[in-house]
Amino acid sequence: MIQKTLVLLKPDAVERALVGRIIERFENAGLKIIGIKMVWVDKEFSKKHYAAHVSKAFYNPLETFIVSGPVIAFVLEGIEAVELVRKIVGPTEPKSAAPGTIRGDFAHHSYKYADSKGIAIKNLIHASGTVEEAEQEVRLWFTSEEMHSYETVHEKHTK
C-alpha cells in the first residue's frame, strides 16, 4: 500500500515560480518528500527517461522542452501514492484537466495548439503513470543515498 513515485516539475513550472505552490499540494494531501533535487536534463538522459516515446512524432519537441531549463525532481511516498499523485496532477492535456488539479489550475495548453506550433505541450509536471513505471523512474533519477526515511505527522494519524 505504501508506494514511492517520481514527480518532475518541468522547466515551465520552474520558470513560472510555481514550485512551492505545487509541492504544497502534495504535502497537504499527506504525501512526503523522500528525495528532491534540481537538475538540468541533457539529451542523453531525456532519451532514458522518455525511452517509451523516443520513436514517436512528439518526442523531438518534448526533448527540446525538457532540456530547455532546470527541472525539480522529487520522490513522493505515501498510501497508494502513484494513483493519488496522478489524481492531484490531472490529465496530461491541461485543457482537459479539471479545476482543482495542478494542470487544471496552472496550465491551459492543448494538444492541438502544441502540434500546430511544433512544440511540446506545456503541462508543468511529469508523474509516474503506474507502480512499475514509478519504480523504474525512481531508480533512474535517484540513488539510494539520495533517499531519506523519516516519519511525518500525517503518518502518525494513519496508523
C-alpha atoms as a PDB file:
ATOM      1  CA  MET A   1       0.000   0.000   0.000  1.00  0.00           C
ATOM      2  CA  ILE A   2       2.834   2.452   0.729  1.00  0.00           C
ATOM      3  CA  GLN A   3       4.333   3.451  -2.617  1.00  0.00           C
ATOM      4  CA  LYS A   4       7.038   5.706  -3.982  1.00  0.00           C
ATOM      5  CA  THR A   5       6.522   7.747  -7.140  1.00  0.00           C
ATOM      6  CA  LEU A   6       8.551  10.187  -9.216  1.00  0.00           C
ATOM      7  CA  VAL A   7       7.432  13.734  -9.909  1.00  0.00           C
ATOM      8  CA  LEU A   8       9.228  16.162 -12.198  1.00  0.00           C
ATOM      9  CA  LEU A   9       8.473  19.857 -12.233  1.00  0.00           C
ATOM     10  CA  LYS A  10       9.315  20.719 -15.815  1.00  0.00           C
ATOM     11  CA  PRO A  11      11.054  23.900 -16.979  1.00  0.00           C
ATOM     12  CA  ASP A  12       7.741  25.767 -17.355  1.00  0.00           C
ATOM     13  CA  ALA A  13       6.837  25.148 -13.690  1.00  0.00           C
ATOM     14  CA  VAL A  14      10.301  26.254 -12.527  1.00  0.00           C
ATOM     15  CA  GLU A  15      10.367  29.338 -14.770  1.00  0.00           C
ATOM     16  CA  ARG A  16       6.879  30.378 -13.663  1.00  0.00           C
ATOM     17  CA  ALA A  17       7.887  30.098  -9.970  1.00  0.00           C
ATOM     18  CA  LEU A  18       5.176  27.519  -9.205  1.00  0.00           C
ATOM     19  CA  VAL A  19       7.455  25.038  -7.423  1.00  0.00           C
ATOM     20  CA  GLY A  20       6.373  25.833  -3.858  1.00  0.00           C
ATOM     21  CA  ARG A  21       2.669  26.015  -4.693  1.00  0.00           C
ATOM     22  CA  ILE A  22       2.803  22.645  -6.468  1.00  0.00           C
ATOM     23  CA  ILE A  23       4.804  20.872  -3.767  1.00  0.00           C
ATOM     24  CA  GLU A  24       2.420  22.240  -1.139  1.00  0.00           C
ATOM     25  CA  ARG A  25      -0.477  20.386  -2.777  1.00  0.00           C
ATOM     26  CA  PHE A  26       1.273  17.042  -2.390  1.00  0.00           C
ATOM     27  CA  GLU A  27       2.270  17.750   1.197  1.00  0.00           C
ATOM     28  CA  ASN A  28      -1.275  18.885   2.033  1.00  0.00           C
ATOM     29  CA  ALA A  29      -2.528  15.510   0.788  1.00  0.00           C
ATOM     30  CA  GLY A  30      -0.241  13.730   3.259  1.00  0.00           C
ATOM     31  CA  LEU A  31       2.475  12.639   0.820  1.00  0.00           C
ATOM     32  CA  LYS A  32       6.062  13.030   1.973  1.00  0.00           C
ATOM     33  CA  ILE A  33       9.117  14.017   0.005  1.00  0.00           C
ATOM     34  CA  ILE A  34      11.854  11.427   0.495  1.00  0.00           C
ATOM     35  CA  GLY A  35      14.233  12.776  -2.161  1.00  0.00           C
ATOM     36  CA  ILE A  36      14.482  16.073  -4.051  1.00  0.00           C
ATOM     37  CA  LYS A  37      16.947  17.817  -6.356  1.00  0.00           C
ATOM     38  CA  MET A  38      17.249  20.350  -9.158  1.00  0.00           C
ATOM     39  CA  VAL A  39      18.819  19.072 -12.363  1.00  0.00           C
ATOM     40  CA  TRP A  40      19.450  20.254 -15.887  1.00  0.00           C
ATOM     41  CA  VAL A  41      18.460  17.301 -18.071  1.00  0.00           C
ATOM     42  CA  ASP A  42      20.652  16.611 -21.094  1.00  0.00           C
ATOM     43  CA  LYS A  43      19.552  14.908 -24.336  1.00  0.00           C
ATOM     44  CA  GLU A  44      21.060  11.549 -23.373  1.00  0.00           C
ATOM     45  CA  PHE A  45      19.196  11.440 -20.061  1.00  0.00           C
ATOM     46  CA  SER A  46      15.989  12.625 -21.748  1.00  0.00           C
ATOM     47  CA  LYS A  47      16.160   9.585 -24.023  1.00  0.00           C
ATOM     48  CA  LYS A  48      16.486   7.324 -20.966  1.00  0.00           C
ATOM     49  CA  HIS A  49      13.588   8.923 -19.129  1.00  0.00           C
ATOM     50  CA  TYR A  50      11.302   9.052 -22.169  1.00  0.00           C
ATOM     51  CA  ALA A  51      12.543   5.753 -23.690  1.00  0.00           C
ATOM     52  CA  ALA A  52       8.984   4.632 -24.500  1.00  0.00           C
ATOM     53  CA  HIS A  53       8.437   7.782 -26.579  1.00  0.00           C
ATOM     54  CA  VAL A  54      11.722   8.262 -28.452  1.00  0.00           C
ATOM     55  CA  SER A  55      10.332   6.875 -31.732  1.00  0.00           C
ATOM     56  CA  LYS A  56       7.098   8.896 -31.539  1.00  0.00           C
ATOM     57  CA  ALA A  57       6.474  12.068 -33.547  1.00  0.00           C
ATOM     58  CA  PHE A  58       6.135  14.242 -30.430  1.00  0.00           C
ATOM     59  CA  TYR A  59       9.480  13.166 -28.941  1.00  0.00           C
ATOM     60  CA  ASN A  60      11.786  15.766 -30.536  1.00  0.00           C
ATOM     61  CA  PRO A  61       9.745  18.755 -29.303  1.00  0.00           C
ATOM     62  CA  LEU A  62       9.470  17.056 -25.904  1.00  0.00           C
ATOM     63  CA  GLU A  63      13.229  16.621 -25.712  1.00  0.00           C
ATOM     64  CA  THR A  64      13.798  20.235 -26.756  1.00  0.00           C
ATOM     65  CA  PHE A  65      11.463  21.335 -23.966  1.00  0.00           C
ATOM     66  CA  ILE A  66      12.778  19.127 -21.151  1.00  0.00           C
ATOM     67  CA  VAL A  67      16.409  20.203 -21.784  1.00  0.00           C
ATOM     68  CA  SER A  68      15.495  23.912 -22.047  1.00  0.00           C
ATOM     69  CA  GLY A  69      15.746  24.698 -18.335  1.00  0.00           C
ATOM     70  CA  PRO A  70      16.165  23.236 -14.882  1.00  0.00           C
ATOM     71  CA  VAL A  71      13.829  20.525 -13.606  1.00  0.00           C
ATOM     72  CA  ILE A  72      12.917  19.813  -9.989  1.00  0.00           C
ATOM     73  CA  ALA A  73      12.854  16.040  -9.461  1.00  0.00           C
ATOM     74  CA  PHE A  74      11.403  14.526  -6.327  1.00  0.00           C
ATOM     75  CA  VAL A  75      10.178  11.250  -4.938  1.00  0.00           C
ATOM     76  CA  LEU A  76       6.944  11.175  -3.000  1.00  0.00           C
ATOM     77  CA  GLU A  77       5.944   8.387  -0.646  1.00  0.00           C
ATOM     78  CA  GLY A  78       2.527   7.570   0.733  1.00  0.00           C
ATOM     79  CA  ILE A  79      -0.540   5.360   0.659  1.00  0.00           C
ATOM     80  CA  GLU A  80      -1.204   4.436  -2.993  1.00  0.00           C
ATOM     81  CA  ALA A  81       0.997   7.385  -3.938  1.00  0.00           C
ATOM     82  CA  VAL A  82       1.075   6.704  -7.696  1.00  0.00           C
ATOM     83  CA  GLU A  83      -2.691   6.953  -8.127  1.00  0.00           C
ATOM     84  CA  LEU A  84      -3.047   9.833  -5.662  1.00  0.00           C
ATOM     85  CA  VAL A  85      -0.360  11.907  -7.381  1.00  0.00           C
ATOM     86  CA  ARG A  86      -1.939  11.320 -10.807  1.00  0.00           C
ATOM     87  CA  LYS A  87      -5.300  12.481  -9.413  1.00  0.00           C
ATOM     88  CA  ILE A  88      -3.760  15.657  -7.962  1.00  0.00           C
ATOM     89  CA  VAL A  89      -1.845  16.383 -11.196  1.00  0.00           C
ATOM     90  CA  GLY A  90      -4.750  15.854 -13.618  1.00  0.00           C
ATOM     91  CA  PRO A  91      -4.748  14.596 -17.225  1.00  0.00           C
ATOM     92  CA  THR A  92      -1.700  15.117 -19.461  1.00  0.00           C
ATOM     93  CA  GLU A  93      -3.508  17.694 -21.607  1.00  0.00           C
ATOM     94  CA  PRO A  94      -4.061  20.777 -19.428  1.00  0.00           C
ATOM     95  CA  LYS A  95      -7.083  21.861 -21.498  1.00  0.00           C
ATOM     96  CA  SER A  96      -8.842  18.654 -20.357  1.00  0.00           C
ATOM     97  CA  ALA A  97      -7.786  18.923 -16.706  1.00  0.00           C
ATOM     98  CA  ALA A  98     -10.441  19.771 -14.132  1.00  0.00           C
ATOM     99  CA  PRO A  99     -10.156  22.840 -11.916  1.00  0.00           C
ATOM    100  CA  GLY A 100      -8.554  21.829  -8.640  1.00  0.00           C
ATOM    101  CA  THR A 101      -5.867  19.749 -10.326  1.00  0.00           C
ATOM    102  CA  ILE A 102      -2.386  21.177 -10.819  1.00  0.00           C
ATOM    103  CA  ARG A 103      -2.693  21.213 -14.597  1.00  0.00           C
ATOM    104  CA  GLY A 104      -6.281  22.463 -14.458  1.00  0.00           C
ATOM    105  CA  ASP A 105      -5.353  25.382 -12.229  1.00  0.00           C
ATOM    106  CA  PHE A 106      -1.997  26.435 -13.684  1.00  0.00           C
ATOM    107  CA  ALA A 107      -1.936  25.488 -17.386  1.00  0.00           C
ATOM    108  CA  HIS A 108      -4.195  25.615 -20.423  1.00  0.00           C
ATOM    109  CA  HIS A 109      -2.199  24.230 -23.388  1.00  0.00           C
ATOM    110  CA  SER A 110      -3.891  21.764 -25.714  1.00  0.00           C
ATOM    111  CA  TYR A 111      -2.513  19.028 -27.960  1.00  0.00           C
ATOM    112  CA  LYS A 112      -3.908  20.859 -30.977  1.00  0.00           C
ATOM    113  CA  TYR A 113      -2.125  24.101 -30.069  1.00  0.00           C
ATOM    114  CA  ALA A 114       1.191  22.396 -29.308  1.00  0.00           C
ATOM    115  CA  ASP A 115       1.026  20.364 -32.532  1.00  0.00           C
ATOM    116  CA  SER A 116       0.227  23.469 -34.593  1.00  0.00           C
ATOM    117  CA  LYS A 117       3.358  25.162 -33.191  1.00  0.00           C
ATOM    118  CA  GLY A 118       5.581  22.063 -33.369  1.00  0.00           C
ATOM    119  CA  ILE A 119       6.292  22.314 -29.645  1.00  0.00           C
ATOM    120  CA  ALA A 120       5.850  20.116 -26.582  1.00  0.00           C
ATOM    121  CA  ILE A 121       2.702  20.625 -24.590  1.00  0.00           C
ATOM    122  CA  LYS A 122       3.452  22.854 -21.603  1.00  0.00           C
ATOM    123  CA  ASN A 123       1.869  20.833 -18.818  1.00  0.00           C
ATOM    124  CA  LEU A 124       4.171  21.723 -15.901  1.00  0.00           C
ATOM    125  CA  ILE A 125       4.716  18.297 -14.441  1.00  0.00           C
ATOM    126  CA  HIS A 126       5.518  14.646 -15.009  1.00  0.00           C
ATOM    127  CA  ALA A 127       4.139  11.990 -12.672  1.00  0.00           C
ATOM    128  CA  SER A 128       4.771   8.257 -12.960  1.00  0.00           C
ATOM    129  CA  GLY A 129       1.793   6.532 -14.554  1.00  0.00           C
ATOM    130  CA  THR A 130       1.950   3.099 -12.949  1.00  0.00           C
ATOM    131  CA  VAL A 131       3.574   1.435  -9.957  1.00  0.00           C
ATOM    132  CA  GLU A 132       6.028  -0.340 -12.291  1.00  0.00           C
ATOM    133  CA  GLU A 133       6.881   2.905 -14.082  1.00  0.00           C
ATOM    134  CA  ALA A 134       7.358   4.652 -10.743  1.00  0.00           C
ATOM    135  CA  GLU A 135       9.802   2.005  -9.541  1.00  0.00           C
ATOM    136  CA  GLN A 136      11.824   2.284 -12.762  1.00  0.00           C
ATOM    137  CA  GLU A 137      11.804   6.098 -12.804  1.00  0.00           C
ATOM    138  CA  VAL A 138      12.763   6.444  -9.135  1.00  0.00           C
ATOM    139  CA  ARG A 139      15.774   4.161  -9.766  1.00  0.00           C
ATOM    140  CA  LEU A 140      16.724   6.176 -12.877  1.00  0.00           C
ATOM    141  CA  TRP A 141      16.590   9.551 -11.163  1.00  0.00           C
ATOM    142  CA  PHE A 142      17.731   8.803  -7.581  1.00  0.00           C
ATOM    143  CA  THR A 143      20.360   6.696  -5.861  1.00  0.00           C
ATOM    144  CA  SER A 144      19.564   5.047  -2.542  1.00  0.00           C
ATOM    145  CA  GLU A 145      21.866   7.585  -0.857  1.00  0.00           C
ATOM    146  CA  GLU A 146      19.629  10.407  -2.131  1.00  0.00           C
ATOM    147  CA  MET A 147      16.518   8.919  -0.484  1.00  0.00           C
ATOM    148  CA  HIS A 148      15.593   9.629   3.121  1.00  0.00           C
ATOM    149  CA  SER A 149      13.443   7.955   5.749  1.00  0.00           C
ATOM    150  CA  TYR A 150      11.548   9.844   8.438  1.00  0.00           C
ATOM    151  CA  GLU A 151       8.075   9.961   9.957  1.00  0.00           C
ATOM    152  CA  THR A 152       5.589  12.767   9.320  1.00  0.00           C
ATOM    153  CA  VAL A 153       2.621  13.893  11.384  1.00  0.00           C
ATOM    154  CA  HIS A 154       0.334  12.542   8.629  1.00  0.00           C
ATOM    155  CA  GLU A 155       1.813   9.060   9.099  1.00  0.00           C
ATOM    156  CA  LYS A 156       1.139   9.176  12.814  1.00  0.00           C
ATOM    157  CA  HIS A 157      -2.546   9.704  12.011  1.00  0.00           C
ATOM    158  CA  THR A 158      -2.811   6.838   9.505  1.00  0.00           C
ATOM    159  CA  LYS A 159      -1.506   4.098  11.790  1.00  0.00           C
END
